[in-house]
């Protein structure tokens, strides 16, 4: 239990919660754990949403598919991150997105209603959980605003400038291969590769597969 708690507590939902409270919470919130193979569907578009998922190991891709079969990667999540919390908080009953495991993945599912409402036992940690969840949803909203900003740009370079500008370090690794990055930016893969090569030739960036380095000042023009 200690090992699992050490992983899970990295998520800000558990700020101010100790191990003893955590063990009680697992029972109170009707949690269950499941394992998935790489590429396995965890949540399919149209499925009912009753639980939120917290990644214990591995990672997931959040995918949106249109009626023509075009796939857009909304984001990729890793260990200790949530998915589904914004949807259930908004009262959405059926998932508008698909969640796919990007590796061998273990997910802790939590009944969301048990987080945001007090129980018959009047557990002391519920008010803290509600406060922490509000902070998580606010941060998710900021991330979605960044994705909207990317999609609003007309050129591939402008999209890349926003994407690179969101990174804290000059050197970083992204969780996408070229096809996945193209899906995330909603652009053609070949055109994306051409633009990356142009930026490299102009001395703006260096890259090897999914490892990037910013050489100059990245600005959105």
N, C-alpha and C. Protein backbone atom coordinates (compact mmCIF):
# COMPACT_ATOMS: atom_id res chain seq x y z
N UNK A 1 0.83 -1.21 0.00
CA UNK A 1 0.00 0.00 0.00
C UNK A 1 0.87 1.26 0.00
N UNK A 2 1.97 1.24 0.75
CA UNK A 2 2.85 2.39 0.81
C UNK A 2 3.41 2.73 -0.56
N UNK A 3 3.82 1.68 -1.32
CA UNK A 3 4.39 1.91 -2.64
C UNK A 3 3.37 2.56 -3.57
N UNK A 4 2.13 2.05 -3.55
CA UNK A 4 1.08 2.61 -4.39
C UNK A 4 0.77 4.05 -3.98
N UNK A 5 0.75 4.31 -2.68
CA UNK A 5 0.46 5.65 -2.19
C UNK A 5 1.55 6.63 -2.60
N UNK A 6 2.81 6.18 -2.59
CA UNK A 6 3.92 7.04 -2.98
C UNK A 6 3.78 7.49 -4.44
N UNK A 7 3.20 6.63 -5.27
CA UNK A 7 2.98 6.99 -6.67
C UNK A 7 1.77 7.91 -6.80
N UNK A 8 0.67 7.50 -6.21
CA UNK A 8 -0.59 8.21 -6.37
C UNK A 8 -0.56 9.60 -5.75
N UNK A 9 0.17 9.76 -4.63
CA UNK A 9 0.16 11.05 -3.94
C UNK A 9 0.85 12.16 -4.73
N UNK A 10 1.52 11.78 -5.85
CA UNK A 10 2.11 12.81 -6.71
C UNK A 10 1.03 13.67 -7.36
N UNK A 11 -0.20 13.11 -7.44
CA UNK A 11 -1.32 13.89 -7.96
C UNK A 11 -1.81 14.84 -6.88
N UNK A 12 -2.10 16.08 -7.26
CA UNK A 12 -2.45 17.10 -6.28
C UNK A 12 -3.79 16.84 -5.59
N UNK A 13 -4.56 15.85 -6.07
CA UNK A 13 -5.81 15.51 -5.38
C UNK A 13 -5.54 15.11 -3.94
N UNK A 14 -4.36 14.51 -3.70
CA UNK A 14 -4.06 13.98 -2.38
C UNK A 14 -3.26 14.94 -1.51
N UNK A 15 -3.17 16.20 -1.91
CA UNK A 15 -2.47 17.18 -1.08
C UNK A 15 -3.11 17.25 0.30
N UNK A 16 -2.30 17.11 1.35
CA UNK A 16 -2.82 17.19 2.71
C UNK A 16 -3.41 15.90 3.22
N UNK A 17 -3.29 14.80 2.42
CA UNK A 17 -3.84 13.50 2.82
C UNK A 17 -2.69 12.58 3.20
N UNK A 18 -2.78 11.91 4.36
CA UNK A 18 -1.72 10.98 4.77
C UNK A 18 -2.11 9.55 4.41
N UNK A 19 -1.21 8.60 4.67
CA UNK A 19 -1.41 7.21 4.28
C UNK A 19 -2.62 6.60 4.97
N UNK A 20 -2.81 6.88 6.24
CA UNK A 20 -3.95 6.31 6.97
C UNK A 20 -5.28 6.77 6.37
N UNK A 21 -5.36 8.06 6.03
CA UNK A 21 -6.57 8.58 5.41
C UNK A 21 -6.77 7.99 4.02
N UNK A 22 -5.66 7.79 3.31
CA UNK A 22 -5.71 7.24 1.97
C UNK A 22 -6.31 5.83 1.97
N UNK A 23 -5.92 5.01 2.91
CA UNK A 23 -6.45 3.65 3.01
C UNK A 23 -7.96 3.66 3.27
N UNK A 24 -8.42 4.60 4.09
CA UNK A 24 -9.86 4.72 4.35
C UNK A 24 -10.59 5.20 3.09
N UNK A 25 -9.94 6.11 2.35
CA UNK A 25 -10.54 6.67 1.16
C UNK A 25 -10.78 5.62 0.08
N UNK A 26 -9.86 4.68 -0.06
CA UNK A 26 -10.01 3.64 -1.07
C UNK A 26 -11.29 2.84 -0.86
N UNK A 27 -11.64 2.64 0.39
CA UNK A 27 -12.87 1.93 0.70
C UNK A 27 -14.09 2.83 0.52
N UNK A 28 -13.98 4.05 0.97
CA UNK A 28 -15.10 4.98 0.93
C UNK A 28 -15.49 5.35 -0.50
N UNK A 29 -14.51 5.44 -1.40
CA UNK A 29 -14.76 5.95 -2.75
C UNK A 29 -15.00 4.85 -3.78
N UNK A 30 -15.20 3.62 -3.33
CA UNK A 30 -15.55 2.50 -4.22
C UNK A 30 -14.54 2.36 -5.36
N UNK A 31 -13.27 2.28 -5.02
CA UNK A 31 -12.22 2.19 -6.03
C UNK A 31 -12.02 0.75 -6.51
N UNK A 32 -11.51 0.62 -7.71
CA UNK A 32 -11.06 -0.67 -8.21
C UNK A 32 -9.91 -0.45 -9.18
N UNK A 33 -9.06 -1.45 -9.33
CA UNK A 33 -7.85 -1.33 -10.15
C UNK A 33 -7.90 -2.33 -11.30
N UNK A 34 -7.48 -1.86 -12.49
CA UNK A 34 -7.43 -2.73 -13.66
C UNK A 34 -6.14 -2.50 -14.42
N UNK A 35 -5.68 -3.56 -15.09
CA UNK A 35 -4.48 -3.48 -15.91
C UNK A 35 -4.85 -3.60 -17.39
N UNK A 36 -4.11 -2.89 -18.24
CA UNK A 36 -4.37 -2.89 -19.68
C UNK A 36 -3.07 -3.09 -20.45
N UNK A 37 -3.18 -3.78 -21.59
CA UNK A 37 -2.04 -3.96 -22.48
C UNK A 37 -1.88 -2.72 -23.36
N UNK A 38 -0.71 -2.55 -23.94
CA UNK A 38 -0.45 -1.43 -24.83
C UNK A 38 -1.43 -1.46 -26.00
N UNK A 39 -2.07 -0.33 -26.27
CA UNK A 39 -3.01 -0.22 -27.37
C UNK A 39 -4.43 -0.65 -27.03
N UNK A 40 -4.66 -1.09 -25.80
CA UNK A 40 -5.99 -1.53 -25.40
C UNK A 40 -6.87 -0.32 -25.08
N UNK A 41 -8.14 -0.41 -25.45
CA UNK A 41 -9.09 0.68 -25.20
C UNK A 41 -9.57 0.61 -23.76
N UNK A 42 -9.41 1.71 -23.04
CA UNK A 42 -9.85 1.82 -21.65
C UNK A 42 -11.26 2.39 -21.59
N UNK A 43 -11.49 3.41 -22.39
CA UNK A 43 -12.81 4.05 -22.47
C UNK A 43 -13.07 4.38 -23.93
N UNK A 44 -14.22 3.95 -24.44
CA UNK A 44 -14.56 4.17 -25.85
C UNK A 44 -15.58 5.29 -25.97
N UNK A 45 -15.45 6.07 -27.04
CA UNK A 45 -16.43 7.12 -27.30
C UNK A 45 -17.85 6.55 -27.23
N UNK A 46 -18.70 7.19 -26.45
CA UNK A 46 -20.07 6.73 -26.30
C UNK A 46 -20.31 5.92 -25.04
N UNK A 47 -19.22 5.43 -24.42
CA UNK A 47 -19.36 4.64 -23.19
C UNK A 47 -19.88 5.53 -22.05
N UNK A 48 -20.67 4.96 -21.14
CA UNK A 48 -21.11 5.73 -19.97
C UNK A 48 -19.92 6.05 -19.07
N UNK A 49 -19.97 7.20 -18.41
CA UNK A 49 -18.88 7.62 -17.52
C UNK A 49 -19.38 7.62 -16.08
N UNK A 50 -18.86 6.71 -15.30
CA UNK A 50 -19.24 6.65 -13.89
C UNK A 50 -18.04 6.86 -12.97
N UNK A 51 -16.85 6.60 -13.50
CA UNK A 51 -15.63 6.68 -12.70
C UNK A 51 -14.60 7.55 -13.40
N UNK A 52 -13.70 8.12 -12.62
CA UNK A 52 -12.52 8.77 -13.18
C UNK A 52 -11.34 7.82 -13.00
N UNK A 53 -10.33 7.98 -13.86
CA UNK A 53 -9.19 7.09 -13.81
C UNK A 53 -7.93 7.80 -13.39
N UNK A 54 -7.15 7.17 -12.52
CA UNK A 54 -5.85 7.70 -12.11
C UNK A 54 -4.80 6.67 -12.51
N UNK A 55 -3.78 7.12 -13.25
CA UNK A 55 -2.77 6.23 -13.81
C UNK A 55 -1.74 5.87 -12.74
N UNK A 56 -1.66 4.58 -12.43
CA UNK A 56 -0.68 4.10 -11.45
C UNK A 56 0.63 3.75 -12.14
N UNK A 57 0.55 3.19 -13.34
CA UNK A 57 1.75 2.89 -14.13
C UNK A 57 1.39 2.96 -15.60
N UNK A 58 2.40 3.20 -16.44
CA UNK A 58 2.16 3.29 -17.87
C UNK A 58 1.68 4.66 -18.28
N UNK A 59 0.73 4.71 -19.22
CA UNK A 59 0.21 5.99 -19.70
C UNK A 59 -0.96 5.77 -20.63
N UNK A 60 -1.66 6.86 -20.96
CA UNK A 60 -2.81 6.77 -21.86
C UNK A 60 -2.81 7.93 -22.85
N UNK A 61 -3.50 7.71 -23.97
CA UNK A 61 -3.74 8.76 -24.95
C UNK A 61 -5.22 9.11 -24.92
N UNK A 62 -5.50 10.39 -24.96
CA UNK A 62 -6.88 10.86 -25.06
C UNK A 62 -7.12 11.20 -26.53
N UNK A 63 -8.06 10.50 -27.17
CA UNK A 63 -8.25 10.57 -28.62
C UNK A 63 -9.65 11.04 -28.96
N UNK A 64 -9.73 11.86 -29.99
CA UNK A 64 -11.02 12.30 -30.54
C UNK A 64 -11.06 11.90 -32.01
N UNK A 65 -12.16 11.25 -32.41
CA UNK A 65 -12.31 10.81 -33.79
C UNK A 65 -13.57 11.42 -34.39
N UNK A 66 -13.44 11.99 -35.60
CA UNK A 66 -14.61 12.60 -36.22
C UNK A 66 -15.37 11.57 -37.05
N UNK A 67 -16.47 11.99 -37.67
CA UNK A 67 -17.33 11.06 -38.40
C UNK A 67 -16.66 10.49 -39.64
N UNK A 68 -15.55 11.10 -40.09
CA UNK A 68 -14.83 10.61 -41.25
C UNK A 68 -13.67 9.69 -40.88
N UNK A 69 -13.51 9.47 -39.57
CA UNK A 69 -12.45 8.58 -39.12
C UNK A 69 -11.13 9.27 -38.86
N UNK A 70 -11.08 10.59 -38.99
CA UNK A 70 -9.85 11.33 -38.70
C UNK A 70 -9.61 11.38 -37.20
N UNK A 71 -8.39 11.05 -36.79
CA UNK A 71 -8.05 10.97 -35.37
C UNK A 71 -7.23 12.18 -34.93
N UNK A 72 -7.62 12.75 -33.80
CA UNK A 72 -6.87 13.84 -33.18
C UNK A 72 -6.49 13.41 -31.77
N UNK A 73 -5.21 13.51 -31.45
CA UNK A 73 -4.77 13.23 -30.09
C UNK A 73 -4.94 14.51 -29.27
N UNK A 74 -5.82 14.47 -28.31
CA UNK A 74 -6.05 15.64 -27.46
C UNK A 74 -4.87 15.86 -26.54
N UNK A 75 -4.44 14.80 -25.88
CA UNK A 75 -3.27 14.88 -25.00
C UNK A 75 -2.82 13.47 -24.65
N UNK A 76 -1.69 13.37 -24.02
CA UNK A 76 -1.19 12.08 -23.51
C UNK A 76 -0.89 12.27 -22.02
N UNK A 77 -1.31 11.32 -21.21
CA UNK A 77 -1.17 11.41 -19.76
C UNK A 77 -0.28 10.29 -19.25
N UNK A 78 0.41 10.55 -18.14
CA UNK A 78 1.33 9.57 -17.58
C UNK A 78 1.01 9.31 -16.11
N UNK A 79 1.95 8.66 -15.43
CA UNK A 79 1.76 8.22 -14.04
C UNK A 79 1.31 9.35 -13.13
N UNK A 80 0.30 9.06 -12.32
CA UNK A 80 -0.29 9.93 -11.29
C UNK A 80 -1.24 10.98 -11.85
N UNK A 81 -1.52 10.94 -13.17
CA UNK A 81 -2.46 11.90 -13.76
C UNK A 81 -3.85 11.29 -13.89
N UNK A 82 -4.87 12.17 -13.87
CA UNK A 82 -6.27 11.77 -13.98
C UNK A 82 -6.76 11.87 -15.42
N UNK A 83 -7.81 11.13 -15.73
CA UNK A 83 -8.61 11.39 -16.93
C UNK A 83 -10.08 11.17 -16.57
N UNK A 84 -10.95 11.93 -17.24
CA UNK A 84 -12.38 11.79 -17.06
C UNK A 84 -13.00 12.70 -16.02
N UNK A 85 -12.18 13.37 -15.21
CA UNK A 85 -12.75 14.16 -14.11
C UNK A 85 -13.51 15.38 -14.60
N UNK A 86 -13.04 16.02 -15.67
CA UNK A 86 -13.74 17.19 -16.19
C UNK A 86 -15.09 16.79 -16.78
N UNK A 87 -15.13 15.65 -17.44
CA UNK A 87 -16.37 15.18 -18.06
C UNK A 87 -17.45 14.88 -17.04
N UNK A 88 -17.09 14.12 -16.00
CA UNK A 88 -18.10 13.75 -15.01
C UNK A 88 -18.51 14.96 -14.17
N UNK A 89 -17.57 15.88 -13.95
CA UNK A 89 -17.90 17.09 -13.20
C UNK A 89 -18.90 17.93 -13.97
N UNK A 90 -18.81 17.90 -15.31
CA UNK A 90 -19.71 18.67 -16.15
C UNK A 90 -21.05 17.97 -16.34
N UNK A 91 -21.18 16.77 -15.78
CA UNK A 91 -22.44 16.05 -15.88
C UNK A 91 -22.63 15.31 -17.19
N UNK A 92 -21.54 15.13 -17.95
CA UNK A 92 -21.61 14.40 -19.22
C UNK A 92 -21.72 12.91 -18.93
N UNK A 93 -22.76 12.28 -19.43
CA UNK A 93 -23.04 10.89 -19.10
C UNK A 93 -22.33 9.90 -20.02
N UNK A 94 -22.09 10.29 -21.27
CA UNK A 94 -21.42 9.41 -22.23
C UNK A 94 -20.17 10.08 -22.76
N UNK A 95 -19.11 9.32 -22.84
CA UNK A 95 -17.80 9.88 -23.18
C UNK A 95 -17.74 10.39 -24.61
N UNK A 96 -17.28 11.63 -24.82
CA UNK A 96 -17.08 12.16 -26.17
C UNK A 96 -15.68 11.83 -26.71
N UNK A 97 -14.88 11.17 -25.89
CA UNK A 97 -13.49 10.85 -26.27
C UNK A 97 -13.21 9.37 -26.02
N UNK A 98 -12.12 8.91 -26.63
CA UNK A 98 -11.63 7.54 -26.40
C UNK A 98 -10.32 7.61 -25.63
N UNK A 99 -10.17 6.73 -24.67
CA UNK A 99 -8.93 6.65 -23.89
C UNK A 99 -8.26 5.31 -24.21
N UNK A 100 -7.02 5.39 -24.69
CA UNK A 100 -6.27 4.20 -25.11
C UNK A 100 -4.96 4.11 -24.34
N UNK A 101 -4.60 2.92 -23.90
CA UNK A 101 -3.34 2.74 -23.17
C UNK A 101 -2.17 2.87 -24.15
N UNK A 102 -1.18 3.66 -23.79
CA UNK A 102 -0.01 3.86 -24.65
C UNK A 102 1.15 2.95 -24.23
N UNK A 103 0.92 2.15 -23.20
CA UNK A 103 1.93 1.22 -22.69
C UNK A 103 1.21 0.20 -21.82
N UNK A 104 1.96 -0.72 -21.22
CA UNK A 104 1.37 -1.58 -20.20
C UNK A 104 0.94 -0.67 -19.05
N UNK A 105 -0.35 -0.65 -18.76
CA UNK A 105 -0.88 0.40 -17.89
C UNK A 105 -1.78 -0.15 -16.79
N UNK A 106 -1.66 0.44 -15.61
CA UNK A 106 -2.54 0.10 -14.49
C UNK A 106 -3.31 1.35 -14.09
N UNK A 107 -4.62 1.22 -13.97
CA UNK A 107 -5.50 2.36 -13.68
C UNK A 107 -6.26 2.12 -12.38
N UNK A 108 -6.28 3.13 -11.53
CA UNK A 108 -7.13 3.13 -10.35
C UNK A 108 -8.40 3.91 -10.69
N UNK A 109 -9.54 3.24 -10.67
CA UNK A 109 -10.82 3.89 -10.97
C UNK A 109 -11.49 4.31 -9.66
N UNK A 110 -11.99 5.55 -9.65
CA UNK A 110 -12.59 6.12 -8.45
C UNK A 110 -13.99 6.64 -8.78
N UNK A 111 -14.94 6.32 -7.96
CA UNK A 111 -16.30 6.85 -8.12
C UNK A 111 -16.26 8.35 -7.83
N UNK A 112 -16.45 9.17 -8.88
CA UNK A 112 -16.28 10.61 -8.75
C UNK A 112 -17.26 11.21 -7.74
N UNK A 113 -18.48 10.67 -7.70
CA UNK A 113 -19.49 11.21 -6.77
C UNK A 113 -19.03 11.08 -5.33
N UNK A 114 -18.18 10.07 -5.06
CA UNK A 114 -17.69 9.86 -3.70
C UNK A 114 -16.62 10.89 -3.32
N UNK A 115 -16.07 11.57 -4.33
CA UNK A 115 -15.07 12.61 -4.05
C UNK A 115 -15.75 13.93 -3.71
N UNK A 116 -16.75 14.29 -4.50
CA UNK A 116 -17.32 15.64 -4.39
C UNK A 116 -18.50 15.73 -3.43
N UNK A 117 -18.93 14.60 -2.87
CA UNK A 117 -20.03 14.64 -1.89
C UNK A 117 -19.60 13.98 -0.60
N UNK A 118 -20.08 14.48 0.50
CA UNK A 118 -19.75 13.88 1.79
C UNK A 118 -20.55 12.59 1.97
N UNK A 119 -19.98 11.65 2.69
CA UNK A 119 -20.62 10.36 2.86
C UNK A 119 -21.31 10.27 4.23
N UNK A 120 -22.02 9.15 4.44
CA UNK A 120 -22.76 8.94 5.69
C UNK A 120 -21.82 8.87 6.89
N UNK A 121 -20.58 8.48 6.62
CA UNK A 121 -19.60 8.36 7.71
C UNK A 121 -18.98 9.69 8.08
N UNK A 122 -19.29 10.74 7.31
CA UNK A 122 -18.75 12.09 7.55
C UNK A 122 -17.22 12.08 7.63
N UNK A 123 -16.59 11.43 6.63
CA UNK A 123 -15.12 11.33 6.60
C UNK A 123 -14.50 12.73 6.55
N UNK A 124 -13.50 12.96 7.37
CA UNK A 124 -12.91 14.29 7.52
C UNK A 124 -12.17 14.76 6.27
N UNK A 125 -11.75 13.82 5.43
CA UNK A 125 -10.92 14.20 4.29
C UNK A 125 -11.73 14.69 3.08
N UNK A 126 -13.05 14.57 3.10
CA UNK A 126 -13.83 14.92 1.92
C UNK A 126 -13.73 16.40 1.54
N UNK A 127 -13.74 17.29 2.51
CA UNK A 127 -13.65 18.72 2.20
C UNK A 127 -12.32 19.05 1.54
N UNK A 128 -11.26 18.38 1.99
CA UNK A 128 -9.94 18.60 1.39
C UNK A 128 -9.91 18.08 -0.04
N UNK A 129 -10.53 16.94 -0.28
CA UNK A 129 -10.59 16.39 -1.64
C UNK A 129 -11.33 17.32 -2.59
N UNK A 130 -12.43 17.88 -2.14
CA UNK A 130 -13.21 18.79 -2.98
C UNK A 130 -12.38 20.01 -3.35
N UNK A 131 -11.67 20.56 -2.37
CA UNK A 131 -10.81 21.72 -2.62
C UNK A 131 -9.72 21.37 -3.63
N UNK A 132 -9.08 20.22 -3.45
CA UNK A 132 -8.01 19.79 -4.35
C UNK A 132 -8.53 19.54 -5.77
N UNK A 133 -9.72 18.95 -5.88
CA UNK A 133 -10.28 18.65 -7.20
C UNK A 133 -10.60 19.92 -7.96
N UNK A 134 -11.05 20.96 -7.29
CA UNK A 134 -11.31 22.23 -7.95
C UNK A 134 -10.03 22.78 -8.57
N UNK A 135 -8.92 22.63 -7.87
CA UNK A 135 -7.63 23.08 -8.40
C UNK A 135 -7.22 22.28 -9.62
N UNK A 136 -7.45 20.98 -9.60
CA UNK A 136 -7.12 20.12 -10.73
C UNK A 136 -7.91 20.51 -11.97
N UNK A 137 -9.20 20.73 -11.80
CA UNK A 137 -10.06 21.09 -12.93
C UNK A 137 -9.65 22.45 -13.50
N UNK A 138 -9.26 23.37 -12.63
CA UNK A 138 -8.80 24.68 -13.10
C UNK A 138 -7.55 24.54 -13.96
N UNK A 139 -6.61 23.68 -13.54
CA UNK A 139 -5.39 23.46 -14.31
C UNK A 139 -5.69 22.78 -15.65
N UNK A 140 -6.64 21.84 -15.64
CA UNK A 140 -7.03 21.19 -16.89
C UNK A 140 -7.60 22.21 -17.87
N UNK A 141 -8.33 23.16 -17.34
CA UNK A 141 -8.91 24.20 -18.19
C UNK A 141 -7.82 25.03 -18.87
N UNK A 142 -6.74 25.29 -18.14
CA UNK A 142 -5.61 26.02 -18.73
C UNK A 142 -4.97 25.22 -19.86
N UNK A 143 -4.86 23.90 -19.66
CA UNK A 143 -4.29 23.03 -20.70
C UNK A 143 -5.17 23.03 -21.94
N UNK A 144 -6.48 22.98 -21.75
CA UNK A 144 -7.39 22.99 -22.88
C UNK A 144 -7.33 24.31 -23.63
N UNK A 145 -7.15 25.40 -22.89
CA UNK A 145 -7.01 26.72 -23.54
C UNK A 145 -5.77 26.76 -24.42
N UNK A 146 -4.70 26.09 -23.97
CA UNK A 146 -3.48 26.04 -24.78
C UNK A 146 -3.73 25.24 -26.06
N UNK A 147 -4.48 24.13 -25.94
CA UNK A 147 -4.78 23.34 -27.14
C UNK A 147 -5.64 24.14 -28.11
N UNK A 148 -6.57 24.91 -27.60
CA UNK A 148 -7.40 25.76 -28.45
C UNK A 148 -6.54 26.79 -29.17
N UNK A 149 -5.56 27.34 -28.44
CA UNK A 149 -4.65 28.32 -29.05
C UNK A 149 -3.87 27.69 -30.19
N UNK A 150 -3.41 26.44 -29.99
CA UNK A 150 -2.69 25.73 -31.04
C UNK A 150 -3.58 25.54 -32.27
N UNK A 151 -4.79 25.09 -32.05
CA UNK A 151 -5.71 24.82 -33.15
C UNK A 151 -6.12 26.09 -33.89
N UNK A 152 -6.05 27.22 -33.20
CA UNK A 152 -6.46 28.48 -33.82
C UNK A 152 -5.42 29.00 -34.80
N UNK A 153 -4.19 28.50 -34.73
CA UNK A 153 -3.12 28.97 -35.61
C UNK A 153 -3.27 28.34 -37.00
N UNK A 154 -2.98 29.11 -38.02
CA UNK A 154 -3.21 28.66 -39.40
C UNK A 154 -2.03 27.88 -39.96
N UNK A 155 -0.82 28.21 -39.58
CA UNK A 155 0.34 27.53 -40.17
C UNK A 155 0.91 26.50 -39.21
N UNK A 156 1.60 25.53 -39.78
CA UNK A 156 2.22 24.48 -38.97
C UNK A 156 3.30 25.08 -38.07
N UNK A 157 4.04 26.03 -38.61
CA UNK A 157 5.09 26.64 -37.78
C UNK A 157 4.51 27.35 -36.57
N UNK A 158 3.44 28.08 -36.78
CA UNK A 158 2.81 28.77 -35.66
C UNK A 158 2.31 27.78 -34.60
N UNK A 159 1.77 26.66 -35.05
CA UNK A 159 1.32 25.62 -34.12
C UNK A 159 2.51 25.06 -33.34
N UNK A 160 3.62 24.82 -34.04
CA UNK A 160 4.81 24.29 -33.39
C UNK A 160 5.40 25.29 -32.40
N UNK A 161 5.35 26.58 -32.75
CA UNK A 161 5.89 27.61 -31.86
C UNK A 161 5.12 27.64 -30.54
N UNK A 162 3.81 27.50 -30.61
CA UNK A 162 3.00 27.45 -29.39
C UNK A 162 3.34 26.20 -28.59
N UNK A 163 3.44 25.07 -29.29
CA UNK A 163 3.73 23.80 -28.64
C UNK A 163 5.11 23.83 -27.97
N UNK A 164 6.13 24.27 -28.69
CA UNK A 164 7.48 24.34 -28.12
C UNK A 164 7.55 25.38 -27.01
N UNK A 165 6.83 26.48 -27.19
CA UNK A 165 6.86 27.54 -26.19
C UNK A 165 6.28 27.14 -24.86
N UNK A 166 5.50 26.06 -24.83
CA UNK A 166 4.89 25.60 -23.58
C UNK A 166 5.85 24.77 -22.74
N UNK A 167 7.00 24.43 -23.31
CA UNK A 167 7.97 23.59 -22.59
C UNK A 167 8.83 24.46 -21.67
N UNK A 168 9.13 23.92 -20.50
CA UNK A 168 9.88 24.69 -19.51
C UNK A 168 11.37 24.72 -19.78
N UNK A 169 11.88 23.68 -20.43
CA UNK A 169 13.33 23.57 -20.66
C UNK A 169 13.65 23.69 -22.14
N UNK A 170 14.90 24.02 -22.42
CA UNK A 170 15.36 24.10 -23.80
C UNK A 170 15.47 22.70 -24.42
N UNK A 171 15.78 21.71 -23.60
CA UNK A 171 15.83 20.33 -24.06
C UNK A 171 14.67 19.57 -23.44
N UNK A 172 13.96 18.83 -24.25
CA UNK A 172 12.80 18.09 -23.74
C UNK A 172 12.47 16.92 -24.66
N UNK A 173 11.74 15.98 -24.13
CA UNK A 173 11.27 14.81 -24.87
C UNK A 173 9.75 14.86 -24.90
N UNK A 174 9.18 14.70 -26.08
CA UNK A 174 7.72 14.71 -26.20
C UNK A 174 7.20 13.27 -26.23
N UNK A 175 5.96 13.03 -25.81
CA UNK A 175 5.44 11.66 -25.74
C UNK A 175 4.85 11.17 -27.06
N UNK A 176 5.17 11.85 -28.18
CA UNK A 176 4.57 11.51 -29.46
C UNK A 176 5.61 11.17 -30.51
N UNK A 177 5.29 10.21 -31.37
CA UNK A 177 6.07 10.04 -32.58
C UNK A 177 5.55 11.03 -33.61
N UNK A 178 6.07 11.01 -34.86
CA UNK A 178 5.69 12.03 -35.84
C UNK A 178 4.19 11.96 -36.19
N UNK A 179 3.67 10.75 -36.35
CA UNK A 179 2.27 10.61 -36.68
C UNK A 179 1.38 11.14 -35.56
N UNK A 180 1.76 10.83 -34.32
CA UNK A 180 0.99 11.27 -33.17
C UNK A 180 1.08 12.78 -32.98
N UNK A 181 2.27 13.35 -33.22
CA UNK A 181 2.42 14.80 -33.11
C UNK A 181 1.56 15.49 -34.17
N UNK A 182 1.53 14.93 -35.37
CA UNK A 182 0.68 15.49 -36.42
C UNK A 182 -0.79 15.44 -36.02
N UNK A 183 -1.18 14.34 -35.38
CA UNK A 183 -2.57 14.22 -34.92
C UNK A 183 -2.85 15.22 -33.80
N UNK A 184 -1.88 15.43 -32.92
CA UNK A 184 -2.06 16.38 -31.83
C UNK A 184 -2.22 17.81 -32.36
N UNK A 185 -1.42 18.15 -33.38
CA UNK A 185 -1.45 19.50 -33.94
C UNK A 185 -2.50 19.66 -35.03
N UNK A 186 -3.13 18.53 -35.42
CA UNK A 186 -4.14 18.52 -36.48
C UNK A 186 -3.56 19.02 -37.81
N UNK A 187 -2.43 18.40 -38.20
CA UNK A 187 -1.78 18.75 -39.47
C UNK A 187 -1.38 17.48 -40.20
N UNK A 188 -0.99 17.63 -41.46
CA UNK A 188 -0.50 16.50 -42.25
C UNK A 188 0.90 16.10 -41.78
N UNK A 189 1.12 14.79 -41.69
CA UNK A 189 2.40 14.30 -41.17
C UNK A 189 3.58 14.73 -42.05
N UNK A 190 3.46 14.59 -43.36
CA UNK A 190 4.56 14.95 -44.26
C UNK A 190 4.86 16.44 -44.18
N UNK A 191 3.80 17.24 -44.13
CA UNK A 191 3.99 18.70 -44.03
C UNK A 191 4.65 19.06 -42.70
N UNK A 192 4.29 18.34 -41.65
CA UNK A 192 4.91 18.58 -40.35
C UNK A 192 6.40 18.27 -40.40
N UNK A 193 6.75 17.13 -40.96
CA UNK A 193 8.17 16.75 -41.07
C UNK A 193 8.96 17.76 -41.87
N UNK A 194 8.37 18.26 -42.95
CA UNK A 194 9.04 19.28 -43.78
C UNK A 194 9.28 20.55 -42.98
N UNK A 195 8.29 20.97 -42.19
CA UNK A 195 8.43 22.20 -41.41
C UNK A 195 9.48 22.04 -40.32
N UNK A 196 9.52 20.88 -39.68
CA UNK A 196 10.53 20.62 -38.66
C UNK A 196 11.93 20.68 -39.26
N UNK A 197 12.09 20.13 -40.46
CA UNK A 197 13.39 20.16 -41.12
C UNK A 197 13.79 21.59 -41.49
N UNK A 198 12.81 22.40 -41.91
CA UNK A 198 13.09 23.80 -42.20
C UNK A 198 13.55 24.54 -40.96
N UNK A 199 12.89 24.31 -39.84
CA UNK A 199 13.26 24.97 -38.59
C UNK A 199 14.65 24.52 -38.13
N UNK A 200 14.95 23.24 -38.37
CA UNK A 200 16.30 22.75 -38.05
C UNK A 200 17.34 23.41 -38.93
N UNK A 201 17.08 23.50 -40.24
CA UNK A 201 18.03 24.09 -41.17
C UNK A 201 18.24 25.58 -40.90
N UNK A 202 17.23 26.23 -40.35
CA UNK A 202 17.34 27.65 -40.00
C UNK A 202 18.01 27.86 -38.65
N UNK A 203 18.39 26.78 -38.00
CA UNK A 203 19.10 26.88 -36.72
C UNK A 203 18.22 27.17 -35.52
N UNK A 204 16.91 26.94 -35.67
CA UNK A 204 15.99 27.20 -34.56
C UNK A 204 15.91 26.04 -33.58
N UNK A 205 15.99 24.83 -34.12
CA UNK A 205 15.84 23.64 -33.28
C UNK A 205 16.80 22.55 -33.71
N UNK A 206 17.01 21.60 -32.81
CA UNK A 206 17.66 20.33 -33.11
C UNK A 206 16.72 19.24 -32.63
N UNK A 207 16.69 18.12 -33.33
CA UNK A 207 15.85 17.03 -32.87
C UNK A 207 16.37 15.69 -33.35
N UNK A 208 16.06 14.69 -32.56
CA UNK A 208 16.33 13.29 -32.92
C UNK A 208 15.16 12.47 -32.42
N UNK A 209 14.37 11.98 -33.35
CA UNK A 209 13.13 11.27 -33.02
C UNK A 209 12.23 12.19 -32.19
N UNK A 210 11.95 11.82 -30.93
CA UNK A 210 11.06 12.66 -30.12
C UNK A 210 11.81 13.50 -29.09
N UNK A 211 13.14 13.65 -29.29
CA UNK A 211 13.96 14.50 -28.42
C UNK A 211 14.27 15.80 -29.15
N UNK A 212 13.96 16.92 -28.47
CA UNK A 212 14.11 18.23 -29.10
C UNK A 212 14.99 19.15 -28.26
N UNK A 213 15.63 20.09 -28.94
CA UNK A 213 16.38 21.15 -28.27
C UNK A 213 16.10 22.46 -28.98
N UNK A 214 15.74 23.47 -28.21
CA UNK A 214 15.51 24.81 -28.75
C UNK A 214 16.83 25.55 -28.79
N UNK A 215 17.25 26.00 -29.97
CA UNK A 215 18.54 26.67 -30.11
C UNK A 215 18.41 28.18 -30.05
N UNK A 216 17.30 28.70 -30.55
CA UNK A 216 17.08 30.15 -30.54
C UNK A 216 15.87 30.49 -29.71
N UNK A 217 15.46 31.74 -29.77
CA UNK A 217 14.29 32.18 -29.03
C UNK A 217 13.03 31.86 -29.83
N UNK A 218 12.16 31.09 -29.20
CA UNK A 218 10.93 30.68 -29.86
C UNK A 218 9.85 31.70 -29.55
N UNK A 219 9.36 32.35 -30.59
CA UNK A 219 8.29 33.33 -30.44
C UNK A 219 7.19 33.06 -31.43
N UNK A 220 5.99 33.28 -30.98
CA UNK A 220 4.81 33.18 -31.86
C UNK A 220 4.69 34.47 -32.64
N UNK A 221 4.79 34.37 -33.95
CA UNK A 221 4.74 35.57 -34.76
C UNK A 221 3.32 36.01 -35.05
